[in-house]
PDB file of N, CA and C in Angstrom:
ATOM      1  N   UNK A   1     -22.466   8.069  27.431  1.00  0.00           N
ATOM      2  CA  UNK A   1     -21.501   7.155  28.019  1.00  0.00           C
ATOM      3  C   UNK A   1     -20.424   7.913  28.806  1.00  0.00           C
ATOM      4  N   UNK A   2     -20.020   9.060  28.319  1.00  0.00           N
ATOM      5  CA  UNK A   2     -18.996   9.832  29.026  1.00  0.00           C
ATOM      6  C   UNK A   2     -19.492  10.241  30.406  1.00  0.00           C
ATOM      7  N   UNK A   3     -20.780  10.562  30.498  1.00  0.00           N
ATOM      8  CA  UNK A   3     -21.375  10.941  31.780  1.00  0.00           C
ATOM      9  C   UNK A   3     -21.242   9.779  32.777  1.00  0.00           C
ATOM     10  N   UNK A   4     -21.503   8.564  32.326  1.00  0.00           N
ATOM     11  CA  UNK A   4     -21.376   7.392  33.188  1.00  0.00           C
ATOM     12  C   UNK A   4     -19.909   7.111  33.517  1.00  0.00           C
ATOM     13  N   UNK A   5     -19.053   7.175  32.528  1.00  0.00           N
ATOM     14  CA  UNK A   5     -17.632   6.863  32.731  1.00  0.00           C
ATOM     15  C   UNK A   5     -16.996   7.754  33.794  1.00  0.00           C
ATOM     16  N   UNK A   6     -17.385   9.017  33.818  1.00  0.00           N
ATOM     17  CA  UNK A   6     -16.811   9.944  34.804  1.00  0.00           C
ATOM     18  C   UNK A   6     -17.211   9.576  36.226  1.00  0.00           C
ATOM     19  N   UNK A   7     -18.268   8.819  36.387  1.00  0.00           N
ATOM     20  CA  UNK A   7     -18.780   8.460  37.712  1.00  0.00           C
ATOM     21  C   UNK A   7     -18.521   7.000  38.084  1.00  0.00           C
ATOM     22  N   UNK A   8     -17.898   6.264  37.185  1.00  0.00           N
ATOM     23  CA  UNK A   8     -17.641   4.839  37.418  1.00  0.00           C
ATOM     24  C   UNK A   8     -16.577   4.670  38.500  1.00  0.00           C
ATOM     25  N   UNK A   9     -16.808   3.689  39.376  1.00  0.00           N
ATOM     26  CA  UNK A   9     -15.844   3.341  40.418  1.00  0.00           C
ATOM     27  C   UNK A   9     -15.537   1.853  40.293  1.00  0.00           C
ATOM     28  N   UNK A  10     -14.281   1.539  40.184  1.00  0.00           N
ATOM     29  CA  UNK A  10     -13.852   0.142  40.111  1.00  0.00           C
ATOM     30  C   UNK A  10     -13.675  -0.315  41.554  1.00  0.00           C
ATOM     31  N   UNK A  11     -14.527  -1.188  42.066  1.00  0.00           N
ATOM     32  CA  UNK A  11     -14.393  -1.609  43.467  1.00  0.00           C
ATOM     33  C   UNK A  11     -12.987  -2.138  43.748  1.00  0.00           C
ATOM     34  N   UNK A  12     -12.308  -1.566  44.735  1.00  0.00           N
ATOM     35  CA  UNK A  12     -10.918  -1.964  45.008  1.00  0.00           C
ATOM     36  C   UNK A  12     -10.736  -3.461  45.226  1.00  0.00           C
ATOM     37  N   UNK A  13     -11.685  -4.095  45.913  1.00  0.00           N
ATOM     38  CA  UNK A  13     -11.533  -5.532  46.183  1.00  0.00           C
ATOM     39  C   UNK A  13     -11.579  -6.353  44.899  1.00  0.00           C
ATOM     40  N   UNK A  14     -12.426  -5.967  43.954  1.00  0.00           N
ATOM     41  CA  UNK A  14     -12.495  -6.707  42.693  1.00  0.00           C
ATOM     42  C   UNK A  14     -11.265  -6.410  41.841  1.00  0.00           C
ATOM     43  N   UNK A  15     -10.805  -5.190  41.919  1.00  0.00           N
ATOM     44  CA  UNK A  15      -9.614  -4.807  41.155  1.00  0.00           C
ATOM     45  C   UNK A  15      -8.398  -5.584  41.662  1.00  0.00           C
ATOM     46  N   UNK A  16      -8.274  -5.711  42.980  1.00  0.00           N
ATOM     47  CA  UNK A  16      -7.116  -6.417  43.528  1.00  0.00           C
ATOM     48  C   UNK A  16      -7.156  -7.915  43.200  1.00  0.00           C
ATOM     49  N   UNK A  17      -8.349  -8.459  43.001  1.00  0.00           N
ATOM     50  CA  UNK A  17      -8.475  -9.874  42.614  1.00  0.00           C
ATOM     51  C   UNK A  17      -8.347 -10.065  41.108  1.00  0.00           C
ATOM     52  N   UNK A  18      -8.208  -8.966  40.377  1.00  0.00           N
ATOM     53  CA  UNK A  18      -8.061  -9.061  38.930  1.00  0.00           C
ATOM     54  C   UNK A  18      -9.361  -9.331  38.199  1.00  0.00           C
ATOM     55  N   UNK A  19     -10.483  -9.101  38.866  1.00  0.00           N
ATOM     56  CA  UNK A  19     -11.775  -9.319  38.224  1.00  0.00           C
ATOM     57  C   UNK A  19     -12.037  -8.200  37.229  1.00  0.00           C
ATOM     58  N   UNK A  20     -12.391  -8.591  36.023  1.00  0.00           N
ATOM     59  CA  UNK A  20     -12.697  -7.606  34.987  1.00  0.00           C
ATOM     60  C   UNK A  20     -13.753  -8.185  34.062  1.00  0.00           C
ATOM     61  N   UNK A  21     -14.431  -7.298  33.389  1.00  0.00           N
ATOM     62  CA  UNK A  21     -15.483  -7.733  32.488  1.00  0.00           C
ATOM     63  C   UNK A  21     -16.343  -6.565  32.054  1.00  0.00           C
ATOM     64  N   UNK A  22     -17.362  -6.897  31.294  1.00  0.00           N
ATOM     65  CA  UNK A  22     -18.302  -5.887  30.801  1.00  0.00           C
ATOM     66  C   UNK A  22     -19.690  -6.285  31.270  1.00  0.00           C
ATOM     67  N   UNK A  23     -20.339  -5.354  31.940  1.00  0.00           N
ATOM     68  CA  UNK A  23     -21.733  -5.548  32.349  1.00  0.00           C
ATOM     69  C   UNK A  23     -22.581  -4.615  31.503  1.00  0.00           C
ATOM     70  N   UNK A  24     -23.744  -5.085  31.104  1.00  0.00           N
ATOM     71  CA  UNK A  24     -24.671  -4.246  30.350  1.00  0.00           C
ATOM     72  C   UNK A  24     -25.815  -3.862  31.265  1.00  0.00           C
ATOM     73  N   UNK A  25     -26.048  -2.571  31.371  1.00  0.00           N
ATOM     74  CA  UNK A  25     -27.107  -2.055  32.221  1.00  0.00           C
ATOM     75  C   UNK A  25     -28.201  -1.458  31.350  1.00  0.00           C
ATOM     76  N   UNK A  26     -29.434  -1.758  31.701  1.00  0.00           N
ATOM     77  CA  UNK A  26     -30.596  -1.206  30.989  1.00  0.00           C
ATOM     78  C   UNK A  26     -31.274  -0.237  31.951  1.00  0.00           C
ATOM     79  N   UNK A  27     -31.504   0.978  31.470  1.00  0.00           N
ATOM     80  CA  UNK A  27     -32.189   1.936  32.327  1.00  0.00           C
ATOM     81  C   UNK A  27     -33.130   2.805  31.502  1.00  0.00           C
ATOM     82  N   UNK A  28     -34.121   3.328  32.194  1.00  0.00           N
ATOM     83  CA  UNK A  28     -35.077   4.231  31.550  1.00  0.00           C
ATOM     84  C   UNK A  28     -34.964   5.586  32.221  1.00  0.00           C
ATOM     85  N   UNK A  29     -35.167   6.609  31.414  1.00  0.00           N
ATOM     86  CA  UNK A  29     -35.075   7.982  31.908  1.00  0.00           C
ATOM     87  C   UNK A  29     -36.320   8.758  31.514  1.00  0.00           C
ATOM     88  N   UNK A  30     -36.559   9.838  32.228  1.00  0.00           N
ATOM     89  CA  UNK A  30     -37.659  10.717  31.846  1.00  0.00           C
ATOM     90  C   UNK A  30     -37.127  11.809  30.925  1.00  0.00           C
ATOM     91  N   UNK A  31     -37.974  12.744  30.558  1.00  0.00           N
ATOM     92  CA  UNK A  31     -37.558  13.769  29.595  1.00  0.00           C
ATOM     93  C   UNK A  31     -36.534  14.752  30.167  1.00  0.00           C
ATOM     94  N   UNK A  32     -36.293  14.714  31.463  1.00  0.00           N
ATOM     95  CA  UNK A  32     -35.274  15.572  32.081  1.00  0.00           C
ATOM     96  C   UNK A  32     -33.964  14.832  32.352  1.00  0.00           C
ATOM     97  N   UNK A  33     -33.945  13.534  32.050  1.00  0.00           N
ATOM     98  CA  UNK A  33     -32.741  12.749  32.251  1.00  0.00           C
ATOM     99  C   UNK A  33     -32.680  12.029  33.589  1.00  0.00           C
ATOM    100  N   UNK A  34     -33.751  12.117  34.376  1.00  0.00           N
ATOM    101  CA  UNK A  34     -33.787  11.404  35.653  1.00  0.00           C
ATOM    102  C   UNK A  34     -33.953   9.915  35.401  1.00  0.00           C
ATOM    103  N   UNK A  35     -33.145   9.118  36.069  1.00  0.00           N
ATOM    104  CA  UNK A  35     -33.232   7.661  35.928  1.00  0.00           C
ATOM    105  C   UNK A  35     -34.459   7.177  36.688  1.00  0.00           C
ATOM    106  N   UNK A  36     -35.336   6.483  35.989  1.00  0.00           N
ATOM    107  CA  UNK A  36     -36.569   5.966  36.583  1.00  0.00           C
ATOM    108  C   UNK A  36     -36.412   4.533  37.062  1.00  0.00           C
ATOM    109  N   UNK A  37     -35.636   3.742  36.328  1.00  0.00           N
ATOM    110  CA  UNK A  37     -35.398   2.354  36.702  1.00  0.00           C
ATOM    111  C   UNK A  37     -34.083   1.898  36.079  1.00  0.00           C
ATOM    112  N   UNK A  38     -33.507   0.885  36.709  1.00  0.00           N
ATOM    113  CA  UNK A  38     -32.255   0.316  36.195  1.00  0.00           C
ATOM    114  C   UNK A  38     -32.226  -1.168  36.520  1.00  0.00           C
ATOM    115  N   UNK A  39     -31.729  -1.947  35.569  1.00  0.00           N
ATOM    116  CA  UNK A  39     -31.587  -3.383  35.782  1.00  0.00           C
ATOM    117  C   UNK A  39     -30.389  -3.878  34.989  1.00  0.00           C
ATOM    118  N   UNK A  40     -29.921  -5.026  35.360  1.00  0.00           N
ATOM    119  CA  UNK A  40     -28.784  -5.625  34.686  1.00  0.00           C
ATOM    120  C   UNK A  40     -29.288  -6.358  33.446  1.00  0.00           C
ATOM    121  N   UNK A  41     -28.790  -5.973  32.279  1.00  0.00           N
ATOM    122  CA  UNK A  41     -29.176  -6.631  31.032  1.00  0.00           C
ATOM    123  C   UNK A  41     -28.287  -7.849  30.776  1.00  0.00           C
ATOM    124  N   UNK A  42     -27.008  -7.749  31.177  1.00  0.00           N
ATOM    125  CA  UNK A  42     -26.081  -8.875  31.049  1.00  0.00           C
ATOM    126  C   UNK A  42     -24.991  -8.732  32.100  1.00  0.00           C
ATOM    127  N   UNK A  43     -24.728  -9.797  32.804  1.00  0.00           N
ATOM    128  CA  UNK A  43     -23.759  -9.800  33.897  1.00  0.00           C
ATOM    129  C   UNK A  43     -22.319  -9.731  33.391  1.00  0.00           C
ATOM    130  N   UNK A  44     -21.479  -9.161  34.225  1.00  0.00           N
ATOM    131  CA  UNK A  44     -20.037  -9.152  33.955  1.00  0.00           C
ATOM    132  C   UNK A  44     -19.420 -10.494  34.342  1.00  0.00           C
ATOM    133  N   UNK A  45     -20.170 -11.263  35.123  1.00  0.00           N
ATOM    134  CA  UNK A  45     -19.656 -12.517  35.654  1.00  0.00           C
ATOM    135  C   UNK A  45     -19.185 -12.386  37.090  1.00  0.00           C
ATOM    136  N   UNK A  46     -19.239 -11.175  37.624  1.00  0.00           N
ATOM    137  CA  UNK A  46     -18.811 -10.900  38.986  1.00  0.00           C
ATOM    138  C   UNK A  46     -19.878 -10.065  39.685  1.00  0.00           C
ATOM    139  N   UNK A  47     -20.420 -10.602  40.777  1.00  0.00           N
ATOM    140  CA  UNK A  47     -21.532  -9.948  41.479  1.00  0.00           C
ATOM    141  C   UNK A  47     -21.201  -8.528  41.922  1.00  0.00           C
ATOM    142  N   UNK A  48     -19.996  -8.318  42.436  1.00  0.00           N
ATOM    143  CA  UNK A  48     -19.640  -6.992  42.936  1.00  0.00           C
ATOM    144  C   UNK A  48     -19.565  -5.963  41.803  1.00  0.00           C
ATOM    145  N   UNK A  49     -19.061  -6.361  40.640  1.00  0.00           N
ATOM    146  CA  UNK A  49     -19.034  -5.450  39.494  1.00  0.00           C
ATOM    147  C   UNK A  49     -20.452  -5.157  39.018  1.00  0.00           C
ATOM    148  N   UNK A  50     -21.292  -6.179  39.008  1.00  0.00           N
ATOM    149  CA  UNK A  50     -22.686  -5.982  38.596  1.00  0.00           C
ATOM    150  C   UNK A  50     -23.395  -5.004  39.532  1.00  0.00           C
ATOM    151  N   UNK A  51     -23.154  -5.135  40.830  1.00  0.00           N
ATOM    152  CA  UNK A  51     -23.756  -4.215  41.799  1.00  0.00           C
ATOM    153  C   UNK A  51     -23.270  -2.794  41.578  1.00  0.00           C
ATOM    154  N   UNK A  52     -21.989  -2.650  41.260  1.00  0.00           N
ATOM    155  CA  UNK A  52     -21.439  -1.315  41.006  1.00  0.00           C
ATOM    156  C   UNK A  52     -22.077  -0.672  39.784  1.00  0.00           C
ATOM    157  N   UNK A  53     -22.365  -1.459  38.765  1.00  0.00           N
ATOM    158  CA  UNK A  53     -22.990  -0.918  37.554  1.00  0.00           C
ATOM    159  C   UNK A  53     -24.365  -0.338  37.882  1.00  0.00           C
ATOM    160  N   UNK A  54     -25.129  -1.038  38.690  1.00  0.00           N
ATOM    161  CA  UNK A  54     -26.452  -0.532  39.078  1.00  0.00           C
ATOM    162  C   UNK A  54     -26.325   0.714  39.949  1.00  0.00           C
ATOM    163  N   UNK A  55     -25.371   0.703  40.877  1.00  0.00           N
ATOM    164  CA  UNK A  55     -25.134   1.880  41.716  1.00  0.00           C
ATOM    165  C   UNK A  55     -24.670   3.062  40.869  1.00  0.00           C
ATOM    166  N   UNK A  56     -23.858   2.786  39.871  1.00  0.00           N
ATOM    167  CA  UNK A  56     -23.359   3.827  38.972  1.00  0.00           C
ATOM    168  C   UNK A  56     -24.499   4.582  38.305  1.00  0.00           C
ATOM    169  N   UNK A  57     -25.464   3.865  37.781  1.00  0.00           N
ATOM    170  CA  UNK A  57     -26.577   4.521  37.081  1.00  0.00           C
ATOM    171  C   UNK A  57     -27.358   5.397  38.052  1.00  0.00           C
ATOM    172  N   UNK A  58     -27.586   4.908  39.245  1.00  0.00           N
ATOM    173  CA  UNK A  58     -28.313   5.716  40.239  1.00  0.00           C
ATOM    174  C   UNK A  58     -27.503   6.955  40.616  1.00  0.00           C
ATOM    175  N   UNK A  59     -26.194   6.778  40.783  1.00  0.00           N
ATOM    176  CA  UNK A  59     -25.300   7.884  41.149  1.00  0.00           C
ATOM    177  C   UNK A  59     -25.215   8.924  40.033  1.00  0.00           C
ATOM    178  N   UNK A  60     -25.322   8.494  38.805  1.00  0.00           N
ATOM    179  CA  UNK A  60     -25.183   9.390  37.653  1.00  0.00           C
ATOM    180  C   UNK A  60     -26.457  10.172  37.337  1.00  0.00           C
ATOM    181  N   UNK A  61     -27.563   9.829  37.996  1.00  0.00           N
ATOM    182  CA  UNK A  61     -28.836  10.507  37.732  1.00  0.00           C
ATOM    183  C   UNK A  61     -28.812  11.910  38.329  1.00  0.00           C
ATOM    184  N   UNK A  62     -29.260  12.909  37.572  1.00  0.00           N
ATOM    185  CA  UNK A  62     -29.780  12.804  36.210  1.00  0.00           C
ATOM    186  C   UNK A  62     -28.662  12.753  35.173  1.00  0.00           C
ATOM    187  N   UNK A  63     -28.952  12.049  34.102  1.00  0.00           N
ATOM    188  CA  UNK A  63     -28.058  12.014  32.947  1.00  0.00           C
ATOM    189  C   UNK A  63     -28.461  13.160  32.029  1.00  0.00           C
ATOM    190  N   UNK A  64     -27.661  13.484  31.022  1.00  0.00           N
ATOM    191  CA  UNK A  64     -28.075  14.552  30.112  1.00  0.00           C
ATOM    192  C   UNK A  64     -29.459  14.259  29.517  1.00  0.00           C
ATOM    193  N   UNK A  65     -30.277  15.283  29.472  1.00  0.00           N
ATOM    194  CA  UNK A  65     -31.639  15.137  28.943  1.00  0.00           C
ATOM    195  C   UNK A  65     -31.592  14.701  27.482  1.00  0.00           C
ATOM    196  N   UNK A  66     -32.450  13.762  27.116  1.00  0.00           N
ATOM    197  CA  UNK A  66     -32.471  13.290  25.726  1.00  0.00           C
ATOM    198  C   UNK A  66     -33.176  14.299  24.818  1.00  0.00           C
ATOM    199  N   UNK A  67     -32.847  14.284  23.549  1.00  0.00           N
ATOM    200  CA  UNK A  67     -33.560  15.151  22.611  1.00  0.00           C
ATOM    201  C   UNK A  67     -35.010  14.689  22.463  1.00  0.00           C
ATOM    202  N   UNK A  68     -35.855  15.588  22.060  1.00  0.00           N
ATOM    203  CA  UNK A  68     -37.272  15.260  21.861  1.00  0.00           C
ATOM    204  C   UNK A  68     -37.401  14.081  20.907  1.00  0.00           C
ATOM    205  N   UNK A  69     -38.241  13.128  21.273  1.00  0.00           N
ATOM    206  CA  UNK A  69     -38.495  11.976  20.425  1.00  0.00           C
ATOM    207  C   UNK A  69     -37.482  10.849  20.556  1.00  0.00           C
ATOM    208  N   UNK A  70     -36.430  11.047  21.351  1.00  0.00           N
ATOM    209  CA  UNK A  70     -35.409  10.004  21.507  1.00  0.00           C
ATOM    210  C   UNK A  70     -35.925   8.883  22.400  1.00  0.00           C
ATOM    211  N   UNK A  71     -35.379   7.717  22.192  1.00  0.00           N
ATOM    212  CA  UNK A  71     -35.720   6.556  23.003  1.00  0.00           C
ATOM    213  C   UNK A  71     -35.321   6.821  24.450  1.00  0.00           C
ATOM    214  N   UNK A  72     -36.201   6.511  25.380  1.00  0.00           N
ATOM    215  CA  UNK A  72     -35.937   6.740  26.806  1.00  0.00           C
ATOM    216  C   UNK A  72     -35.457   5.474  27.513  1.00  0.00           C
ATOM    217  N   UNK A  73     -35.377   4.373  26.787  1.00  0.00           N
ATOM    218  CA  UNK A  73     -34.844   3.119  27.331  1.00  0.00           C
ATOM    219  C   UNK A  73     -33.457   2.916  26.729  1.00  0.00           C
ATOM    220  N   UNK A  74     -32.470   2.798  27.576  1.00  0.00           N
ATOM    221  CA  UNK A  74     -31.081   2.742  27.135  1.00  0.00           C
ATOM    222  C   UNK A  74     -30.428   1.476  27.679  1.00  0.00           C
ATOM    223  N   UNK A  75     -29.666   0.799  26.850  1.00  0.00           N
ATOM    224  CA  UNK A  75     -28.826  -0.306  27.299  1.00  0.00           C
ATOM    225  C   UNK A  75     -27.395   0.097  26.987  1.00  0.00           C
ATOM    226  N   UNK A  76     -26.559   0.087  28.034  1.00  0.00           N
ATOM    227  CA  UNK A  76     -25.195   0.576  27.876  1.00  0.00           C
ATOM    228  C   UNK A  76     -24.191  -0.420  28.461  1.00  0.00           C
ATOM    229  N   UNK A  77     -23.065  -0.621  27.770  1.00  0.00           N
ATOM    230  CA  UNK A  77     -22.016  -1.464  28.326  1.00  0.00           C
ATOM    231  C   UNK A  77     -21.138  -0.657  29.290  1.00  0.00           C
ATOM    232  N   UNK A  78     -20.743  -1.275  30.382  1.00  0.00           N
ATOM    233  CA  UNK A  78     -19.809  -0.662  31.319  1.00  0.00           C
ATOM    234  C   UNK A  78     -18.653  -1.639  31.488  1.00  0.00           C
ATOM    235  N   UNK A  79     -17.477  -1.199  31.094  1.00  0.00           N
ATOM    236  CA  UNK A  79     -16.303  -2.074  31.075  1.00  0.00           C
ATOM    237  C   UNK A  79     -15.427  -1.806  32.299  1.00  0.00           C
ATOM    238  N   UNK A  80     -15.045  -2.899  32.935  1.00  0.00           N
ATOM    239  CA  UNK A  80     -14.079  -2.856  34.030  1.00  0.00           C
ATOM    240  C   UNK A  80     -12.862  -3.637  33.557  1.00  0.00           C
ATOM    241  N   UNK A  81     -11.727  -2.944  33.484  1.00  0.00           N
ATOM    242  CA  UNK A  81     -10.521  -3.617  33.034  1.00  0.00           C
ATOM    243  C   UNK A  81      -9.328  -3.022  33.761  1.00  0.00           C
ATOM    244  N   UNK A  82      -8.274  -3.812  33.879  1.00  0.00           N
ATOM    245  CA  UNK A  82      -7.043  -3.308  34.472  1.00  0.00           C
ATOM    246  C   UNK A  82      -6.321  -2.501  33.408  1.00  0.00           C
ATOM    247  N   UNK A  83      -6.094  -1.248  33.713  1.00  0.00           N
ATOM    248  CA  UNK A  83      -5.510  -0.361  32.709  1.00  0.00           C
ATOM    249  C   UNK A  83      -4.151   0.101  33.095  1.00  0.00           C
TER     250      UNK A  83
END
């Protein structure tokens, strides 16, 4: 999650409108951490935030390589909030 958080971008237009929420992204990786596919598991309720979550996963590839035998399908929450 820290790897994703460091690469997260809060779209300025959504931030200025006060749009916030949590989107859940599902992605699969190979044994080297390369993202093979990504899809939205649950919407934040805002299309632009949902699009950013998908772009985030692609931008973050490769993610840290998983340990041997670990699940390669991951569902992760990405929170957008005014801080």
